[in-house]
Amino acid sequence: MSDEEQQLPTQEQAEPKVEDANATINIKVVSSAGEEVFFKIKRSTKLSKLQGAYASKVGKDVGSIRFLYDGVRINDDDTPASLDMEDNDTIDVMVEQVGGSHQVSP
C-alpha cells in the first residue's frame, strides 16, 4: 500500500456542518401580495428585530401583521437558529384581520 491509500480524511476535508450562531444568513420576507423584502441577519438575532424592521419598511404597525415560517407563527424570541432556518429561506407575512364582525339589521 502506498502512503496515499492509507491517508484518512483530515478534519478540514470532512467539514462537519456546524452552524455558527454569528454567521449571517439571507432571509426573504414575502407579503400575501407577493412583495419581497430581503434581510441579512445573524443566526442568533431574534426575529422580532427583523419583524420591526419589516414593519417600518412597509409602513405598517408590527402588531397588525403576522410572520409565518413553514406555516407556523414566529414568536418574538425565535431566532433563525432556533427555527433551523437556512440561507435564502422565506418568511410569509399576513395582514392581521381586524374586526370582521358584521351587524345584521333586524
N, C-alpha and C. Protein backbone atom coordinates (compact mmCIF):
# COMPACT_ATOMS: atom_id res chain seq x y z
N MET A 1 0.83 -1.19 0.00
CA MET A 1 0.00 0.00 0.00
C MET A 1 0.87 1.25 0.00
N SER A 2 0.49 2.20 -0.78
CA SER A 2 1.24 3.46 -0.80
C SER A 2 0.74 4.36 0.33
N ASP A 3 1.47 5.40 0.60
CA ASP A 3 1.08 6.34 1.66
C ASP A 3 -0.26 6.99 1.35
N GLU A 4 -0.52 7.27 0.08
CA GLU A 4 -1.76 7.95 -0.30
C GLU A 4 -2.99 7.12 0.05
N GLU A 5 -2.93 5.82 -0.14
CA GLU A 5 -4.09 4.97 0.12
C GLU A 5 -4.41 4.87 1.60
N GLN A 6 -3.40 5.05 2.46
CA GLN A 6 -3.63 4.90 3.89
C GLN A 6 -4.12 6.19 4.56
N GLN A 7 -4.05 7.30 3.87
CA GLN A 7 -4.45 8.57 4.49
C GLN A 7 -5.95 8.60 4.80
N LEU A 8 -6.24 9.02 6.01
CA LEU A 8 -7.63 9.23 6.40
C LEU A 8 -7.98 10.69 6.14
N PRO A 9 -9.24 10.97 5.89
CA PRO A 9 -9.60 12.38 5.67
C PRO A 9 -9.31 13.20 6.92
N THR A 10 -8.76 14.37 6.72
CA THR A 10 -8.49 15.25 7.87
C THR A 10 -9.77 15.98 8.25
N GLN A 11 -9.72 16.64 9.39
CA GLN A 11 -10.90 17.40 9.87
C GLN A 11 -11.30 18.44 8.83
N GLU A 12 -10.32 19.07 8.17
CA GLU A 12 -10.61 20.10 7.19
C GLU A 12 -11.36 19.53 5.99
N GLN A 13 -11.01 18.32 5.60
CA GLN A 13 -11.67 17.74 4.43
C GLN A 13 -13.09 17.28 4.76
N ALA A 14 -13.31 16.82 5.98
CA ALA A 14 -14.62 16.29 6.35
C ALA A 14 -15.65 17.41 6.52
N GLU A 15 -15.25 18.55 7.06
CA GLU A 15 -16.11 19.71 7.31
C GLU A 15 -17.50 19.33 7.80
N PRO A 16 -17.63 19.03 9.08
CA PRO A 16 -18.96 18.75 9.62
C PRO A 16 -19.81 20.01 9.56
N LYS A 17 -21.10 19.84 9.38
CA LYS A 17 -21.98 21.01 9.24
C LYS A 17 -22.34 21.54 10.63
N VAL A 18 -21.56 22.49 11.08
CA VAL A 18 -21.82 23.13 12.37
C VAL A 18 -22.19 24.57 12.07
N GLU A 19 -23.39 24.95 12.47
CA GLU A 19 -23.84 26.31 12.20
C GLU A 19 -23.26 27.27 13.23
N ASP A 20 -22.63 28.33 12.77
CA ASP A 20 -22.09 29.35 13.65
C ASP A 20 -23.21 30.34 13.98
N ALA A 21 -23.45 30.56 15.27
CA ALA A 21 -24.54 31.45 15.69
C ALA A 21 -24.32 32.87 15.19
N ASN A 22 -23.07 33.24 14.94
CA ASN A 22 -22.79 34.59 14.46
C ASN A 22 -22.76 34.68 12.93
N ALA A 23 -22.94 33.54 12.27
CA ALA A 23 -22.96 33.56 10.81
C ALA A 23 -24.21 34.29 10.35
N THR A 24 -24.10 35.03 9.25
CA THR A 24 -25.28 35.73 8.73
C THR A 24 -25.94 34.89 7.65
N ILE A 25 -27.24 34.99 7.59
CA ILE A 25 -28.00 34.34 6.52
C ILE A 25 -28.94 35.36 5.91
N ASN A 26 -29.33 35.09 4.68
CA ASN A 26 -30.27 35.94 3.97
C ASN A 26 -31.67 35.38 4.15
N ILE A 27 -32.60 36.24 4.52
CA ILE A 27 -33.99 35.85 4.71
C ILE A 27 -34.85 36.69 3.77
N LYS A 28 -35.76 36.03 3.08
CA LYS A 28 -36.69 36.73 2.20
C LYS A 28 -38.04 36.78 2.89
N VAL A 29 -38.60 37.99 3.02
CA VAL A 29 -39.92 38.16 3.62
C VAL A 29 -40.88 38.48 2.49
N VAL A 30 -41.92 37.66 2.35
CA VAL A 30 -42.86 37.79 1.23
C VAL A 30 -44.25 38.08 1.75
N SER A 31 -44.86 39.16 1.23
CA SER A 31 -46.22 39.51 1.63
C SER A 31 -47.22 38.69 0.83
N SER A 32 -48.48 38.73 1.26
CA SER A 32 -49.52 37.98 0.55
C SER A 32 -49.73 38.53 -0.85
N ALA A 33 -49.29 39.79 -1.08
CA ALA A 33 -49.39 40.39 -2.42
C ALA A 33 -48.19 40.02 -3.29
N GLY A 34 -47.25 39.27 -2.71
CA GLY A 34 -46.09 38.83 -3.48
C GLY A 34 -44.91 39.78 -3.42
N GLU A 35 -44.99 40.84 -2.61
CA GLU A 35 -43.87 41.77 -2.48
C GLU A 35 -42.78 41.12 -1.64
N GLU A 36 -41.53 41.28 -2.08
CA GLU A 36 -40.41 40.64 -1.40
C GLU A 36 -39.48 41.69 -0.80
N VAL A 37 -39.07 41.45 0.45
CA VAL A 37 -38.08 42.29 1.10
C VAL A 37 -37.00 41.35 1.64
N PHE A 38 -35.74 41.71 1.40
CA PHE A 38 -34.65 40.84 1.80
C PHE A 38 -33.91 41.40 3.01
N PHE A 39 -33.55 40.50 3.92
CA PHE A 39 -32.80 40.88 5.11
C PHE A 39 -31.60 39.96 5.26
N LYS A 40 -30.52 40.51 5.79
CA LYS A 40 -29.35 39.69 6.14
C LYS A 40 -29.19 39.84 7.65
N ILE A 41 -29.34 38.73 8.38
CA ILE A 41 -29.25 38.79 9.83
C ILE A 41 -28.41 37.64 10.36
N LYS A 42 -27.94 37.80 11.59
CA LYS A 42 -27.19 36.72 12.23
C LYS A 42 -28.16 35.63 12.64
N ARG A 43 -27.66 34.41 12.70
CA ARG A 43 -28.49 33.28 13.09
C ARG A 43 -28.96 33.39 14.54
N SER A 44 -28.26 34.21 15.34
CA SER A 44 -28.61 34.36 16.75
C SER A 44 -29.52 35.56 17.02
N THR A 45 -29.82 36.36 15.99
CA THR A 45 -30.65 37.55 16.17
C THR A 45 -32.12 37.17 16.32
N LYS A 46 -32.78 37.77 17.31
CA LYS A 46 -34.20 37.49 17.49
C LYS A 46 -34.97 38.00 16.28
N LEU A 47 -35.92 37.20 15.83
CA LEU A 47 -36.68 37.57 14.63
C LEU A 47 -37.62 38.74 14.89
N SER A 48 -37.86 39.07 16.16
CA SER A 48 -38.67 40.25 16.46
C SER A 48 -38.00 41.51 15.90
N LYS A 49 -36.67 41.51 15.84
CA LYS A 49 -35.93 42.64 15.28
C LYS A 49 -36.20 42.76 13.78
N LEU A 50 -36.18 41.63 13.08
CA LEU A 50 -36.49 41.60 11.66
C LEU A 50 -37.94 42.05 11.43
N GLN A 51 -38.86 41.60 12.29
CA GLN A 51 -40.27 41.96 12.15
C GLN A 51 -40.46 43.47 12.28
N GLY A 52 -39.78 44.07 13.25
CA GLY A 52 -39.87 45.52 13.43
C GLY A 52 -39.32 46.27 12.23
N ALA A 53 -38.20 45.79 11.70
CA ALA A 53 -37.58 46.43 10.53
C ALA A 53 -38.50 46.32 9.31
N TYR A 54 -39.12 45.15 9.15
CA TYR A 54 -40.03 44.95 8.03
C TYR A 54 -41.24 45.88 8.16
N ALA A 55 -41.82 45.95 9.35
CA ALA A 55 -43.00 46.80 9.58
C ALA A 55 -42.68 48.26 9.26
N SER A 56 -41.51 48.73 9.69
CA SER A 56 -41.09 50.10 9.40
C SER A 56 -40.95 50.33 7.90
N LYS A 57 -40.36 49.34 7.24
CA LYS A 57 -40.09 49.47 5.81
C LYS A 57 -41.38 49.57 4.99
N VAL A 58 -42.41 48.82 5.40
CA VAL A 58 -43.66 48.82 4.63
C VAL A 58 -44.70 49.77 5.22
N GLY A 59 -44.35 50.46 6.32
CA GLY A 59 -45.24 51.44 6.90
C GLY A 59 -46.45 50.86 7.62
N LYS A 60 -46.29 49.69 8.22
CA LYS A 60 -47.38 49.07 8.97
C LYS A 60 -46.99 48.93 10.43
N ASP A 61 -47.99 48.84 11.29
CA ASP A 61 -47.74 48.58 12.70
C ASP A 61 -47.39 47.11 12.85
N VAL A 62 -46.30 46.82 13.58
CA VAL A 62 -45.84 45.43 13.71
C VAL A 62 -46.91 44.55 14.35
N GLY A 63 -47.80 45.14 15.14
CA GLY A 63 -48.88 44.37 15.77
C GLY A 63 -49.99 44.00 14.81
N SER A 64 -50.00 44.61 13.63
CA SER A 64 -51.08 44.35 12.68
C SER A 64 -50.70 43.31 11.63
N ILE A 65 -49.46 42.81 11.70
CA ILE A 65 -49.04 41.80 10.73
C ILE A 65 -48.49 40.57 11.44
N ARG A 66 -48.62 39.43 10.79
CA ARG A 66 -48.18 38.16 11.35
C ARG A 66 -47.11 37.57 10.45
N PHE A 67 -46.11 36.97 11.09
CA PHE A 67 -45.00 36.38 10.36
C PHE A 67 -45.04 34.86 10.54
N LEU A 68 -44.96 34.14 9.43
CA LEU A 68 -45.04 32.68 9.46
C LEU A 68 -43.81 32.08 8.78
N TYR A 69 -43.28 31.02 9.40
CA TYR A 69 -42.20 30.26 8.78
C TYR A 69 -42.67 28.82 8.70
N ASP A 70 -42.71 28.28 7.50
CA ASP A 70 -43.24 26.93 7.27
C ASP A 70 -44.64 26.78 7.84
N GLY A 71 -45.44 27.83 7.72
CA GLY A 71 -46.84 27.78 8.15
C GLY A 71 -47.04 27.95 9.65
N VAL A 72 -45.97 28.14 10.40
CA VAL A 72 -46.07 28.29 11.86
C VAL A 72 -45.72 29.73 12.23
N ARG A 73 -46.54 30.30 13.11
CA ARG A 73 -46.32 31.69 13.51
C ARG A 73 -44.99 31.83 14.26
N ILE A 74 -44.25 32.88 13.92
CA ILE A 74 -42.96 33.15 14.55
C ILE A 74 -43.20 33.91 15.85
N ASN A 75 -42.55 33.46 16.92
CA ASN A 75 -42.63 34.13 18.21
C ASN A 75 -41.51 35.17 18.33
N ASP A 76 -41.69 36.15 19.22
CA ASP A 76 -40.70 37.21 19.38
C ASP A 76 -39.32 36.69 19.75
N ASP A 77 -39.26 35.60 20.52
CA ASP A 77 -37.97 35.08 20.98
C ASP A 77 -37.31 34.13 19.98
N ASP A 78 -38.00 33.78 18.89
CA ASP A 78 -37.43 32.87 17.91
C ASP A 78 -36.25 33.51 17.19
N THR A 79 -35.27 32.68 16.85
CA THR A 79 -34.13 33.13 16.05
C THR A 79 -34.03 32.19 14.84
N PRO A 80 -33.29 32.60 13.81
CA PRO A 80 -33.10 31.68 12.69
C PRO A 80 -32.51 30.35 13.15
N ALA A 81 -31.61 30.37 14.14
CA ALA A 81 -31.00 29.14 14.64
C ALA A 81 -32.05 28.27 15.32
N SER A 82 -32.93 28.87 16.13
CA SER A 82 -33.91 28.07 16.87
C SER A 82 -34.95 27.45 15.94
N LEU A 83 -35.16 28.07 14.78
CA LEU A 83 -36.12 27.53 13.81
C LEU A 83 -35.44 26.71 12.71
N ASP A 84 -34.14 26.47 12.86
CA ASP A 84 -33.37 25.73 11.85
C ASP A 84 -33.50 26.34 10.46
N MET A 85 -33.50 27.66 10.40
CA MET A 85 -33.59 28.33 9.10
C MET A 85 -32.26 28.23 8.38
N GLU A 86 -32.34 28.23 7.07
CA GLU A 86 -31.15 28.17 6.23
C GLU A 86 -31.09 29.42 5.37
N ASP A 87 -29.93 29.63 4.77
CA ASP A 87 -29.73 30.78 3.90
C ASP A 87 -30.78 30.78 2.79
N ASN A 88 -31.35 31.94 2.54
CA ASN A 88 -32.36 32.17 1.49
C ASN A 88 -33.73 31.56 1.81
N ASP A 89 -33.99 31.26 3.08
CA ASP A 89 -35.33 30.80 3.46
C ASP A 89 -36.32 31.96 3.37
N THR A 90 -37.60 31.61 3.34
CA THR A 90 -38.67 32.60 3.17
C THR A 90 -39.57 32.65 4.39
N ILE A 91 -39.89 33.87 4.80
CA ILE A 91 -40.89 34.11 5.84
C ILE A 91 -42.10 34.72 5.15
N ASP A 92 -43.29 34.20 5.45
CA ASP A 92 -44.51 34.74 4.88
C ASP A 92 -45.13 35.76 5.82
N VAL A 93 -45.67 36.83 5.26
CA VAL A 93 -46.30 37.89 6.06
C VAL A 93 -47.78 37.93 5.73
N MET A 94 -48.59 37.95 6.77
CA MET A 94 -50.04 38.07 6.61
C MET A 94 -50.51 39.30 7.36
N VAL A 95 -51.44 40.04 6.78
CA VAL A 95 -52.03 41.17 7.48
C VAL A 95 -53.08 40.64 8.43
N GLU A 96 -52.97 41.03 9.68
CA GLU A 96 -53.93 40.58 10.69
C GLU A 96 -55.31 41.11 10.34
N GLN A 97 -56.28 40.23 10.34
CA GLN A 97 -57.66 40.65 10.08
C GLN A 97 -58.23 41.30 11.33
N VAL A 98 -58.61 42.56 11.21
CA VAL A 98 -59.15 43.28 12.36
C VAL A 98 -60.65 43.40 12.18
N GLY A 99 -61.37 43.17 13.26
CA GLY A 99 -62.84 43.28 13.20
C GLY A 99 -63.41 42.03 12.55
N GLY A 100 -64.11 42.22 11.47
CA GLY A 100 -64.69 41.08 10.77
C GLY A 100 -66.10 40.75 11.20
N SER A 101 -66.57 41.41 12.26
CA SER A 101 -67.95 41.12 12.67
C SER A 101 -68.92 41.97 11.85
N HIS A 102 -69.98 41.36 11.48
CA HIS A 102 -70.98 42.08 10.66
C HIS A 102 -72.25 42.22 11.48
N GLN A 103 -72.75 43.45 11.47
CA GLN A 103 -74.01 43.64 12.18
C GLN A 103 -75.13 43.29 11.21
N VAL A 104 -76.07 42.55 11.75
CA VAL A 104 -77.23 42.16 10.94
C VAL A 104 -78.39 43.04 11.35
N SER A 105 -78.97 43.75 10.36
CA SER A 105 -80.12 44.59 10.74
C SER A 105 -81.38 43.74 10.88
N PRO A 106 -82.17 44.11 11.87
CA PRO A 106 -83.39 43.31 12.12
C PRO A 106 -84.39 43.38 11.00
